[in-house]
Protein backbone atom coordinates (compact mmCIF):
# COMPACT_ATOMS: atom_id res chain seq x y z
CA MET A 1 60.64 18.41 -11.44
CA ILE A 2 57.02 19.24 -12.07
CA PHE A 3 55.60 15.76 -11.54
CA GLY A 4 57.93 14.38 -8.88
CA ARG A 5 60.16 12.37 -11.19
CA GLU A 6 61.90 12.97 -14.46
CA TYR A 7 60.01 12.26 -17.67
CA ASP A 8 61.26 12.34 -21.21
CA PHE A 9 59.39 15.39 -22.43
CA SER A 10 61.05 15.14 -25.83
CA LEU A 11 58.51 12.37 -26.52
CA ILE A 12 55.55 14.74 -26.01
CA ARG A 13 53.78 15.69 -29.27
CA THR A 14 51.50 18.69 -29.08
CA SER A 15 49.91 18.55 -32.54
CA SER A 16 46.54 17.47 -31.05
CA LYS A 17 44.93 16.32 -27.81
CA GLU A 18 44.95 12.75 -29.09
CA ALA A 19 48.66 12.85 -29.91
CA LEU A 20 49.34 14.57 -26.60
CA LEU A 21 47.61 11.81 -24.63
CA ARG A 22 49.41 9.02 -26.54
CA SER A 23 52.81 10.67 -26.14
CA ALA A 24 52.13 11.46 -22.45
CA LEU A 25 51.37 7.79 -21.85
CA LEU A 26 54.66 6.90 -23.51
CA ALA A 27 56.60 9.51 -21.49
CA SER A 28 55.04 8.38 -18.20
CA ASN A 29 55.61 4.65 -18.82
CA ASN A 30 51.85 3.98 -19.27
CA ASP A 31 50.90 5.52 -15.91
CA ILE A 32 47.42 6.87 -16.73
CA LYS A 33 47.26 9.20 -13.71
CA LYS A 34 50.59 10.84 -14.54
CA ALA A 35 49.73 10.97 -18.24
CA THR A 36 46.48 12.84 -17.53
CA GLU A 37 48.39 15.23 -15.25
CA ILE A 38 50.84 15.93 -18.05
CA CYS A 39 47.96 16.39 -20.52
CA ASP A 40 46.12 18.77 -18.19
CA TYR A 41 49.30 20.77 -17.63
CA VAL A 42 50.04 21.08 -21.36
CA THR A 43 46.44 21.84 -22.38
CA LYS A 44 46.37 24.71 -19.89
CA MET A 45 49.32 26.22 -21.75
CA LEU A 46 47.80 25.43 -25.18
CA PRO A 47 44.04 26.03 -24.91
CA ASN A 48 43.39 25.98 -28.69
CA LEU A 49 44.81 22.48 -29.23
CA PRO A 50 42.70 20.55 -31.80
CA ASP A 51 41.15 17.21 -30.81
CA THR A 52 42.80 15.22 -33.63
CA ASP A 53 45.77 15.67 -35.93
CA PRO A 54 45.04 17.47 -39.21
CA VAL A 55 44.95 15.21 -42.26
CA LEU A 56 48.07 15.66 -44.33
CA PRO A 57 47.70 16.00 -48.10
CA SER A 58 48.76 13.04 -50.20
CA THR A 59 52.12 13.02 -51.95
CA LEU A 60 50.43 13.63 -55.29
CA ASP A 61 48.58 16.65 -53.88
CA GLN A 62 51.86 18.02 -52.51
CA VAL A 63 53.55 17.56 -55.91
CA ARG A 64 50.64 19.27 -57.67
CA GLU A 65 50.72 22.22 -55.27
CA THR A 66 54.48 22.58 -55.62
CA ALA A 67 54.31 22.45 -59.43
CA ARG A 68 51.46 24.97 -59.44
CA GLY A 69 53.50 27.31 -57.26
CA ILE A 70 56.56 27.01 -59.50
CA PHE A 71 54.57 27.73 -62.66
CA GLN A 72 52.78 30.68 -61.05
CA TRP A 73 56.12 32.09 -59.93
CA GLY A 74 57.56 31.62 -63.43
CA GLU A 75 54.56 33.31 -65.00
CA ALA A 76 54.73 36.24 -62.59
CA ASN A 77 58.49 36.68 -63.12
CA GLN A 78 58.66 35.89 -66.82
CA ASP A 79 60.13 39.27 -67.78
CA LYS A 80 62.92 38.95 -65.21
CA ILE A 81 63.72 35.40 -66.29
CA VAL A 82 63.92 36.40 -69.97
CA GLY A 83 66.11 39.36 -69.01
CA VAL A 84 68.57 37.10 -67.18
CA VAL A 85 68.62 34.59 -70.06
CA ASN A 86 69.21 37.42 -72.57
CA MET A 87 72.04 38.77 -70.43
CA VAL A 88 73.72 35.35 -70.31
CA LEU A 89 73.23 34.83 -74.04
CA GLY A 90 74.64 38.31 -74.68
CA MET A 91 77.76 37.44 -72.69
CA MET A 92 78.15 34.30 -74.79
CA GLY A 93 77.77 36.31 -78.02
CA LYS A 94 74.51 34.70 -79.08
CA ASN A 95 71.19 36.24 -80.10
CA PRO A 96 68.85 37.07 -77.23
CA ILE A 97 65.47 35.41 -76.81
CA GLY A 98 62.49 37.09 -78.44
CA VAL A 99 64.58 39.36 -80.67
CA PRO A 100 64.96 38.21 -84.28
CA PRO A 101 68.49 38.24 -85.67
CA VAL A 102 69.40 41.50 -87.35
CA VAL A 103 69.39 41.22 -91.14
CA PRO A 104 71.02 43.95 -93.20
CA ALA A 105 68.46 46.12 -94.96
CA GLU A 106 70.04 45.76 -98.38
CA MET A 107 71.88 42.67 -99.40
CA PRO A 108 73.95 42.44 -102.55
CA PRO A 109 72.59 39.99 -105.07
CA ALA A 110 73.90 36.49 -104.79
CA PRO A 111 76.54 35.57 -107.35
CA PRO A 112 75.42 33.12 -109.99
CA ILE A 113 76.22 29.51 -109.28
CA GLY A 114 78.79 27.93 -111.47
CA GLY A 115 79.38 30.83 -113.50
C-alpha cells in the first residue's frame, strides 16, 4: 500500500483540486495529514487539475444544445433523409416526396353528368 493502510480509492474524485481534497478526506476517514498526502500524490500525477469543478450547464441549456444539434444534422443531411423516405414510400407504392403525381398529358373529356 502506498500510504501504509488500505484506503477506498474509488471514493477519490479528480475533477478538481477542491473535489480531490473533499474525497481524500472521505477516503482517509477525515485524517487531514493522510488526505493531504493523497492530494499531493494525485496532483503530482495530474498537474493541470483545475482549482474548482467546472459549472455544468442547466437542463434547459442542455436541451437547447441537443435540439440545435439535431436540427443542424437534419439540415445538413436533408437530401439523404428525403432519399430514404422516398425509397420507403416507393416500396409502399406511394408517391415520393417533392415529386408531383404524374398526370397524363391528354385526358379524354369528362362524360356529361346525367346524360
